[in-house]
Amino acid sequence: MNVDFFDSVVLRPFFIATQSDLEFLMELEETCFEGYRKSSRDMIKRSILSKHQIVLIIEDETNNPCGSVTMRLYKSNLELFQ
């Protein structure tokens, strides 16, 4: 599955994360997960850059980032992580 395809069909309140969103995603990890469940900065960066994953940032009604979803793309299925 082509990531560019998703970029062309994803509409607000979602947008595809870039490396510039890394600080927000790290803050979200710190706020939402206990130590053993947190992803490292490197893991999140790899997810953003991966051809097999899409990280979406969710915006609230005032266009401020408030959450994220990571999709892992496989040939036969799609896994979602929030």
PDB file of N, CA and C in Angstrom:
ATOM      1  N   MET A   1       0.841  -1.173   0.000  1.00  0.00           N
ATOM      2  CA  MET A   1       0.000   0.000   0.000  1.00  0.00           C
ATOM      3  C   MET A   1       0.890   1.242   0.000  1.00  0.00           C
ATOM      4  N   ASN A   2       0.534   2.212  -0.765  1.00  0.00           N
ATOM      5  CA  ASN A   2       1.347   3.413  -0.934  1.00  0.00           C
ATOM      6  C   ASN A   2       0.940   4.484   0.076  1.00  0.00           C
ATOM      7  N   VAL A   3       1.918   4.987   0.841  1.00  0.00           N
ATOM      8  CA  VAL A   3       1.653   6.028   1.840  1.00  0.00           C
ATOM      9  C   VAL A   3       1.141   7.296   1.168  1.00  0.00           C
ATOM     10  N   ASP A   4       1.617   7.607  -0.029  1.00  0.00           N
ATOM     11  CA  ASP A   4       1.150   8.799  -0.744  1.00  0.00           C
ATOM     12  C   ASP A   4      -0.352   8.744  -1.001  1.00  0.00           C
ATOM     13  N   PHE A   5      -0.875   7.538  -1.199  1.00  0.00           N
ATOM     14  CA  PHE A   5      -2.312   7.384  -1.382  1.00  0.00           C
ATOM     15  C   PHE A   5      -3.053   7.908  -0.159  1.00  0.00           C
ATOM     16  N   PHE A   6      -2.601   7.524   1.044  1.00  0.00           N
ATOM     17  CA  PHE A   6      -3.249   7.978   2.264  1.00  0.00           C
ATOM     18  C   PHE A   6      -3.140   9.487   2.420  1.00  0.00           C
ATOM     19  N   ASP A   7      -2.001  10.054   2.049  1.00  0.00           N
ATOM     20  CA  ASP A   7      -1.814  11.496   2.151  1.00  0.00           C
ATOM     21  C   ASP A   7      -2.831  12.240   1.293  1.00  0.00           C
ATOM     22  N   SER A   8      -3.235  11.634   0.191  1.00  0.00           N
ATOM     23  CA  SER A   8      -4.172  12.306  -0.706  1.00  0.00           C
ATOM     24  C   SER A   8      -5.630  12.176  -0.253  1.00  0.00           C
ATOM     25  N   VAL A   9      -5.937  11.217   0.626  1.00  0.00           N
ATOM     26  CA  VAL A   9      -7.326  11.011   1.036  1.00  0.00           C
ATOM     27  C   VAL A   9      -7.604  11.364   2.494  1.00  0.00           C
ATOM     28  N   VAL A  10      -6.566  11.593   3.294  1.00  0.00           N
ATOM     29  CA  VAL A  10      -6.762  11.901   4.707  1.00  0.00           C
ATOM     30  C   VAL A  10      -7.152  13.368   4.851  1.00  0.00           C
ATOM     31  N   LEU A  11      -8.261  13.605   5.514  1.00  0.00           N
ATOM     32  CA  LEU A  11      -8.748  14.965   5.717  1.00  0.00           C
ATOM     33  C   LEU A  11      -8.745  15.310   7.198  1.00  0.00           C
ATOM     34  N   ARG A  12      -8.776  16.580   7.501  1.00  0.00           N
ATOM     35  CA  ARG A  12      -8.861  17.019   8.888  1.00  0.00           C
ATOM     36  C   ARG A  12     -10.064  16.366   9.534  1.00  0.00           C
ATOM     37  N   PRO A  13     -10.049  15.999  10.771  1.00  0.00           N
ATOM     38  CA  PRO A  13      -9.114  16.408  11.808  1.00  0.00           C
ATOM     39  C   PRO A  13      -7.869  15.557  11.924  1.00  0.00           C
ATOM     40  N   PHE A  14      -7.494  14.838  10.882  1.00  0.00           N
ATOM     41  CA  PHE A  14      -6.276  14.028  10.898  1.00  0.00           C
ATOM     42  C   PHE A  14      -5.269  14.615   9.913  1.00  0.00           C
ATOM     43  N   PHE A  15      -3.986  14.443  10.224  1.00  0.00           N
ATOM     44  CA  PHE A  15      -2.962  14.695   9.222  1.00  0.00           C
ATOM     45  C   PHE A  15      -1.803  13.746   9.472  1.00  0.00           C
ATOM     46  N   ILE A  16      -1.056  13.450   8.434  1.00  0.00           N
ATOM     47  CA  ILE A  16       0.053  12.508   8.536  1.00  0.00           C
ATOM     48  C   ILE A  16       1.227  13.184   9.228  1.00  0.00           C
ATOM     49  N   ALA A  17       1.744  12.519  10.249  1.00  0.00           N
ATOM     50  CA  ALA A  17       2.837  13.072  11.053  1.00  0.00           C
ATOM     51  C   ALA A  17       4.131  13.147  10.241  1.00  0.00           C
ATOM     52  N   THR A  18       4.920  14.155  10.578  1.00  0.00           N
ATOM     53  CA  THR A  18       6.268  14.299  10.029  1.00  0.00           C
ATOM     54  C   THR A  18       7.232  14.386  11.215  1.00  0.00           C
ATOM     55  N   GLN A  19       8.506  14.471  10.908  1.00  0.00           N
ATOM     56  CA  GLN A  19       9.492  14.571  11.984  1.00  0.00           C
ATOM     57  C   GLN A  19       9.276  15.818  12.835  1.00  0.00           C
ATOM     58  N   SER A  20       8.662  16.841  12.289  1.00  0.00           N
ATOM     59  CA  SER A  20       8.396  18.052  13.076  1.00  0.00           C
ATOM     60  C   SER A  20       7.346  17.817  14.163  1.00  0.00           C
ATOM     61  N   ASP A  21       6.626  16.705  14.099  1.00  0.00           N
ATOM     62  CA  ASP A  21       5.621  16.352  15.114  1.00  0.00           C
ATOM     63  C   ASP A  21       6.194  15.478  16.226  1.00  0.00           C
ATOM     64  N   LEU A  22       7.468  15.187  16.166  1.00  0.00           N
ATOM     65  CA  LEU A  22       8.100  14.271  17.117  1.00  0.00           C
ATOM     66  C   LEU A  22       7.966  14.747  18.562  1.00  0.00           C
ATOM     67  N   GLU A  23       8.135  16.027  18.820  1.00  0.00           N
ATOM     68  CA  GLU A  23       8.019  16.539  20.195  1.00  0.00           C
ATOM     69  C   GLU A  23       6.617  16.327  20.754  1.00  0.00           C
ATOM     70  N   PHE A  24       5.603  16.617  19.934  1.00  0.00           N
ATOM     71  CA  PHE A  24       4.226  16.391  20.380  1.00  0.00           C
ATOM     72  C   PHE A  24       4.001  14.912  20.675  1.00  0.00           C
ATOM     73  N   LEU A  25       4.474  14.028  19.792  1.00  0.00           N
ATOM     74  CA  LEU A  25       4.284  12.594  19.990  1.00  0.00           C
ATOM     75  C   LEU A  25       5.005  12.092  21.240  1.00  0.00           C
ATOM     76  N   MET A  26       6.175  12.641  21.530  1.00  0.00           N
ATOM     77  CA  MET A  26       6.899  12.259  22.749  1.00  0.00           C
ATOM     78  C   MET A  26       6.141  12.738  23.992  1.00  0.00           C
ATOM     79  N   GLU A  27       5.604  13.940  23.935  1.00  0.00           N
ATOM     80  CA  GLU A  27       4.809  14.468  25.051  1.00  0.00           C
ATOM     81  C   GLU A  27       3.572  13.597  25.274  1.00  0.00           C
ATOM     82  N   LEU A  28       2.957  13.165  24.198  1.00  0.00           N
ATOM     83  CA  LEU A  28       1.790  12.290  24.280  1.00  0.00           C
ATOM     84  C   LEU A  28       2.157  10.955  24.928  1.00  0.00           C
ATOM     85  N   GLU A  29       3.297  10.386  24.549  1.00  0.00           N
ATOM     86  CA  GLU A  29       3.769   9.137  25.166  1.00  0.00           C
ATOM     87  C   GLU A  29       3.951   9.309  26.669  1.00  0.00           C
ATOM     88  N   GLU A  30       4.590  10.395  27.054  1.00  0.00           N
ATOM     89  CA  GLU A  30       4.840  10.657  28.480  1.00  0.00           C
ATOM     90  C   GLU A  30       3.540  10.803  29.260  1.00  0.00           C
ATOM     91  N   THR A  31       2.564  11.454  28.661  1.00  0.00           N
ATOM     92  CA  THR A  31       1.292  11.726  29.332  1.00  0.00           C
ATOM     93  C   THR A  31       0.406  10.486  29.422  1.00  0.00           C
ATOM     94  N   CYS A  32       0.420   9.664  28.392  1.00  0.00           N
ATOM     95  CA  CYS A  32      -0.582   8.609  28.265  1.00  0.00           C
ATOM     96  C   CYS A  32      -0.151   7.204  28.667  1.00  0.00           C
ATOM     97  N   PHE A  33       1.153   6.947  28.723  1.00  0.00           N
ATOM     98  CA  PHE A  33       1.587   5.576  28.943  1.00  0.00           C
ATOM     99  C   PHE A  33       2.528   5.442  30.127  1.00  0.00           C
ATOM    100  N   GLU A  34       2.433   4.280  30.787  1.00  0.00           N
ATOM    101  CA  GLU A  34       3.366   3.962  31.863  1.00  0.00           C
ATOM    102  C   GLU A  34       4.713   3.607  31.247  1.00  0.00           C
ATOM    103  N   GLY A  35       5.757   3.651  32.058  1.00  0.00           N
ATOM    104  CA  GLY A  35       7.126   3.454  31.600  1.00  0.00           C
ATOM    105  C   GLY A  35       7.353   2.280  30.678  1.00  0.00           C
ATOM    106  N   TYR A  36       6.846   1.110  31.041  1.00  0.00           N
ATOM    107  CA  TYR A  36       7.111  -0.087  30.244  1.00  0.00           C
ATOM    108  C   TYR A  36       6.347  -0.102  28.922  1.00  0.00           C
ATOM    109  N   ARG A  37       5.349   0.761  28.760  1.00  0.00           N
ATOM    110  CA  ARG A  37       4.532   0.790  27.539  1.00  0.00           C
ATOM    111  C   ARG A  37       4.922   1.917  26.592  1.00  0.00           C
ATOM    112  N   LYS A  38       5.806   2.811  27.045  1.00  0.00           N
ATOM    113  CA  LYS A  38       6.168   3.974  26.233  1.00  0.00           C
ATOM    114  C   LYS A  38       7.087   3.580  25.093  1.00  0.00           C
ATOM    115  N   SER A  39       6.859   4.198  23.950  1.00  0.00           N
ATOM    116  CA  SER A  39       7.767   4.044  22.819  1.00  0.00           C
ATOM    117  C   SER A  39       8.898   5.050  22.971  1.00  0.00           C
ATOM    118  N   SER A  40      10.072   4.663  22.536  1.00  0.00           N
ATOM    119  CA  SER A  40      11.219   5.569  22.602  1.00  0.00           C
ATOM    120  C   SER A  40      11.134   6.589  21.457  1.00  0.00           C
ATOM    121  N   ARG A  41      11.897   7.664  21.582  1.00  0.00           N
ATOM    122  CA  ARG A  41      11.972   8.680  20.531  1.00  0.00           C
ATOM    123  C   ARG A  41      12.376   8.026  19.204  1.00  0.00           C
ATOM    124  N   ASP A  42      13.342   7.123  19.270  1.00  0.00           N
ATOM    125  CA  ASP A  42      13.822   6.461  18.065  1.00  0.00           C
ATOM    126  C   ASP A  42      12.729   5.600  17.429  1.00  0.00           C
ATOM    127  N   MET A  43      11.964   4.897  18.238  1.00  0.00           N
ATOM    128  CA  MET A  43      10.880   4.060  17.720  1.00  0.00           C
ATOM    129  C   MET A  43       9.808   4.906  17.037  1.00  0.00           C
ATOM    130  N   ILE A  44       9.472   6.042  17.654  1.00  0.00           N
ATOM    131  CA  ILE A  44       8.455   6.914  17.062  1.00  0.00           C
ATOM    132  C   ILE A  44       8.972   7.513  15.757  1.00  0.00           C
ATOM    133  N   LYS A  45      10.229   7.923  15.760  1.00  0.00           N
ATOM    134  CA  LYS A  45      10.820   8.482  14.544  1.00  0.00           C
ATOM    135  C   LYS A  45      10.821   7.441  13.418  1.00  0.00           C
ATOM    136  N   ARG A  46      11.160   6.196  13.739  1.00  0.00           N
ATOM    137  CA  ARG A  46      11.133   5.132  12.729  1.00  0.00           C
ATOM    138  C   ARG A  46       9.717   4.908  12.201  1.00  0.00           C
ATOM    139  N   SER A  47       8.723   5.008  13.078  1.00  0.00           N
ATOM    140  CA  SER A  47       7.333   4.855  12.634  1.00  0.00           C
ATOM    141  C   SER A  47       6.954   5.956  11.649  1.00  0.00           C
ATOM    142  N   ILE A  48       7.363   7.181  11.955  1.00  0.00           N
ATOM    143  CA  ILE A  48       7.053   8.307  11.077  1.00  0.00           C
ATOM    144  C   ILE A  48       7.700   8.124   9.702  1.00  0.00           C
ATOM    145  N   LEU A  49       8.927   7.625   9.681  1.00  0.00           N
ATOM    146  CA  LEU A  49       9.681   7.500   8.431  1.00  0.00           C
ATOM    147  C   LEU A  49       9.411   6.202   7.664  1.00  0.00           C
ATOM    148  N   SER A  50       8.743   5.263   8.310  1.00  0.00           N
ATOM    149  CA  SER A  50       8.526   3.943   7.726  1.00  0.00           C
ATOM    150  C   SER A  50       7.589   3.972   6.524  1.00  0.00           C
ATOM    151  N   LYS A  51       7.878   3.124   5.547  1.00  0.00           N
ATOM    152  CA  LYS A  51       6.979   2.936   4.405  1.00  0.00           C
ATOM    153  C   LYS A  51       5.853   1.976   4.747  1.00  0.00           C
ATOM    154  N   HIS A  52       5.960   1.312   5.896  1.00  0.00           N
ATOM    155  CA  HIS A  52       4.980   0.304   6.288  1.00  0.00           C
ATOM    156  C   HIS A  52       4.117   0.743   7.467  1.00  0.00           C
ATOM    157  N   GLN A  53       4.275   1.992   7.880  1.00  0.00           N
ATOM    158  CA  GLN A  53       3.461   2.536   8.963  1.00  0.00           C
ATOM    159  C   GLN A  53       3.044   3.958   8.598  1.00  0.00           C
ATOM    160  N   ILE A  54       1.898   4.351   9.088  1.00  0.00           N
ATOM    161  CA  ILE A  54       1.440   5.726   8.944  1.00  0.00           C
ATOM    162  C   ILE A  54       1.060   6.208  10.334  1.00  0.00           C
ATOM    163  N   VAL A  55       1.622   7.326  10.742  1.00  0.00           N
ATOM    164  CA  VAL A  55       1.276   7.937  12.020  1.00  0.00           C
ATOM    165  C   VAL A  55       0.399   9.146  11.711  1.00  0.00           C
ATOM    166  N   LEU A  56      -0.815   9.120  12.233  1.00  0.00           N
ATOM    167  CA  LEU A  56      -1.746  10.231  12.052  1.00  0.00           C
ATOM    168  C   LEU A  56      -1.823  11.039  13.329  1.00  0.00           C
ATOM    169  N   ILE A  57      -1.839  12.346  13.198  1.00  0.00           N
ATOM    170  CA  ILE A  57      -2.070  13.250  14.319  1.00  0.00           C
ATOM    171  C   ILE A  57      -3.532  13.663  14.257  1.00  0.00           C
ATOM    172  N   ILE A  58      -4.197  13.624  15.392  1.00  0.00           N
ATOM    173  CA  ILE A  58      -5.605  14.005  15.487  1.00  0.00           C
ATOM    174  C   ILE A  58      -5.667  15.414  16.057  1.00  0.00           C
ATOM    175  N   GLU A  59      -6.496  16.256  15.444  1.00  0.00           N
ATOM    176  CA  GLU A  59      -6.662  17.631  15.923  1.00  0.00           C
ATOM    177  C   GLU A  59      -8.026  17.798  16.557  1.00  0.00           C
ATOM    178  N   ASP A  60      -8.078  18.715  17.534  1.00  0.00           N
ATOM    179  CA  ASP A  60      -9.360  19.054  18.147  1.00  0.00           C
ATOM    180  C   ASP A  60     -10.059  20.113  17.295  1.00  0.00           C
ATOM    181  N   GLU A  61     -11.188  20.603  17.782  1.00  0.00           N
ATOM    182  CA  GLU A  61     -11.986  21.561  17.005  1.00  0.00           C
ATOM    183  C   GLU A  61     -11.291  22.909  16.797  1.00  0.00           C
ATOM    184  N   THR A  62     -10.214  23.177  17.551  1.00  0.00           N
ATOM    185  CA  THR A  62      -9.463  24.421  17.369  1.00  0.00           C
ATOM    186  C   THR A  62      -8.153  24.177  16.611  1.00  0.00           C
ATOM    187  N   ASN A  63      -8.053  23.016  15.958  1.00  0.00           N
ATOM    188  CA  ASN A  63      -6.890  22.631  15.146  1.00  0.00           C
ATOM    189  C   ASN A  63      -5.609  22.436  15.945  1.00  0.00           C
ATOM    190  N   ASN A  64      -5.740  22.118  17.229  1.00  0.00           N
ATOM    191  CA  ASN A  64      -4.578  21.788  18.056  1.00  0.00           C
ATOM    192  C   ASN A  64      -4.438  20.276  18.128  1.00  0.00           C
ATOM    193  N   PRO A  65      -3.210  19.759  18.027  1.00  0.00           N
ATOM    194  CA  PRO A  65      -3.034  18.310  18.124  1.00  0.00           C
ATOM    195  C   PRO A  65      -3.464  17.794  19.497  1.00  0.00           C
ATOM    196  N   CYS A  66      -4.197  16.683  19.500  1.00  0.00           N
ATOM    197  CA  CYS A  66      -4.696  16.155  20.771  1.00  0.00           C
ATOM    198  C   CYS A  66      -4.522  14.643  20.900  1.00  0.00           C
ATOM    199  N   GLY A  67      -4.064  13.971  19.858  1.00  0.00           N
ATOM    200  CA  GLY A  67      -3.892  12.531  19.918  1.00  0.00           C
ATOM    201  C   GLY A  67      -3.227  12.026  18.660  1.00  0.00           C
ATOM    202  N   SER A  68      -3.031  10.710  18.618  1.00  0.00           N
ATOM    203  CA  SER A  68      -2.420  10.119  17.428  1.00  0.00           C
ATOM    204  C   SER A  68      -2.897   8.682  17.248  1.00  0.00           C
ATOM    205  N   VAL A  69      -2.739   8.204  16.030  1.00  0.00           N
ATOM    206  CA  VAL A  69      -3.044   6.821  15.675  1.00  0.00           C
ATOM    207  C   VAL A  69      -1.900   6.340  14.786  1.00  0.00           C
ATOM    208  N   THR A  70      -1.396   5.149  15.066  1.00  0.00           N
ATOM    209  CA  THR A  70      -0.379   4.552  14.205  1.00  0.00           C
ATOM    210  C   THR A  70      -0.996   3.366  13.489  1.00  0.00           C
ATOM    211  N   MET A  71      -0.870   3.359  12.166  1.00  0.00           N
ATOM    212  CA  MET A  71      -1.382   2.252  11.358  1.00  0.00           C
ATOM    213  C   MET A  71      -0.191   1.481  10.816  1.00  0.00           C
ATOM    214  N   ARG A  72      -0.220   0.187  11.004  1.00  0.00           N
ATOM    215  CA  ARG A  72       0.807  -0.691  10.432  1.00  0.00           C
ATOM    216  C   ARG A  72       0.194  -1.385   9.237  1.00  0.00           C
ATOM    217  N   LEU A  73       0.828  -1.210   8.099  1.00  0.00           N
ATOM    218  CA  LEU A  73       0.306  -1.725   6.845  1.00  0.00           C
ATOM    219  C   LEU A  73       0.915  -3.081   6.528  1.00  0.00           C
ATOM    220  N   TYR A  74       0.061  -4.044   6.275  1.00  0.00           N
ATOM    221  CA  TYR A  74       0.475  -5.384   5.876  1.00  0.00           C
ATOM    222  C   TYR A  74      -0.233  -5.722   4.572  1.00  0.00           C
ATOM    223  N   LYS A  75       0.261  -6.730   3.876  1.00  0.00           N
ATOM    224  CA  LYS A  75      -0.373  -7.122   2.609  1.00  0.00           C
ATOM    225  C   LYS A  75      -1.847  -7.477   2.783  1.00  0.00           C
ATOM    226  N   SER A  76      -2.160  -8.188   3.869  1.00  0.00           N
ATOM    227  CA  SER A  76      -3.515  -8.700   4.007  1.00  0.00           C
ATOM    228  C   SER A  76      -4.361  -8.020   5.074  1.00  0.00           C
ATOM    229  N   ASN A  77      -3.759  -7.126   5.866  1.00  0.00           N
ATOM    230  CA  ASN A  77      -4.549  -6.464   6.894  1.00  0.00           C
ATOM    231  C   ASN A  77      -3.897  -5.155   7.328  1.00  0.00           C
ATOM    232  N   LEU A  78      -4.564  -4.456   8.232  1.00  0.00           N
ATOM    233  CA  LEU A  78      -4.128  -3.181   8.740  1.00  0.00           C
ATOM    234  C   LEU A  78      -4.308  -3.206  10.249  1.00  0.00           C
ATOM    235  N   GLU A  79      -3.253  -2.864  11.030  1.00  0.00           N
ATOM    236  CA  GLU A  79      -3.349  -2.796  12.484  1.00  0.00           C
ATOM    237  C   GLU A  79      -3.359  -1.338  12.902  1.00  0.00           C
ATOM    238  N   LEU A  80      -4.230  -1.003  13.837  1.00  0.00           N
ATOM    239  CA  LEU A  80      -4.318   0.353  14.367  1.00  0.00           C
ATOM    240  C   LEU A  80      -3.868   0.372  15.819  1.00  0.00           C
ATOM    241  N   PHE A  81      -3.065   1.382  16.172  1.00  0.00           N
ATOM    242  CA  PHE A  81      -2.620   1.587  17.556  1.00  0.00           C
ATOM    243  C   PHE A  81      -2.899   3.031  17.913  1.00  0.00           C
ATOM    244  N   GLN A  82      -3.476   3.238  19.077  1.00  0.00           N
ATOM    245  CA  GLN A  82      -3.724   4.621  19.493  1.00  0.00           C
ATOM    246  C   GLN A  82      -3.030   4.923  20.771  1.00  0.00           C
TER     247      GLN A  82
END
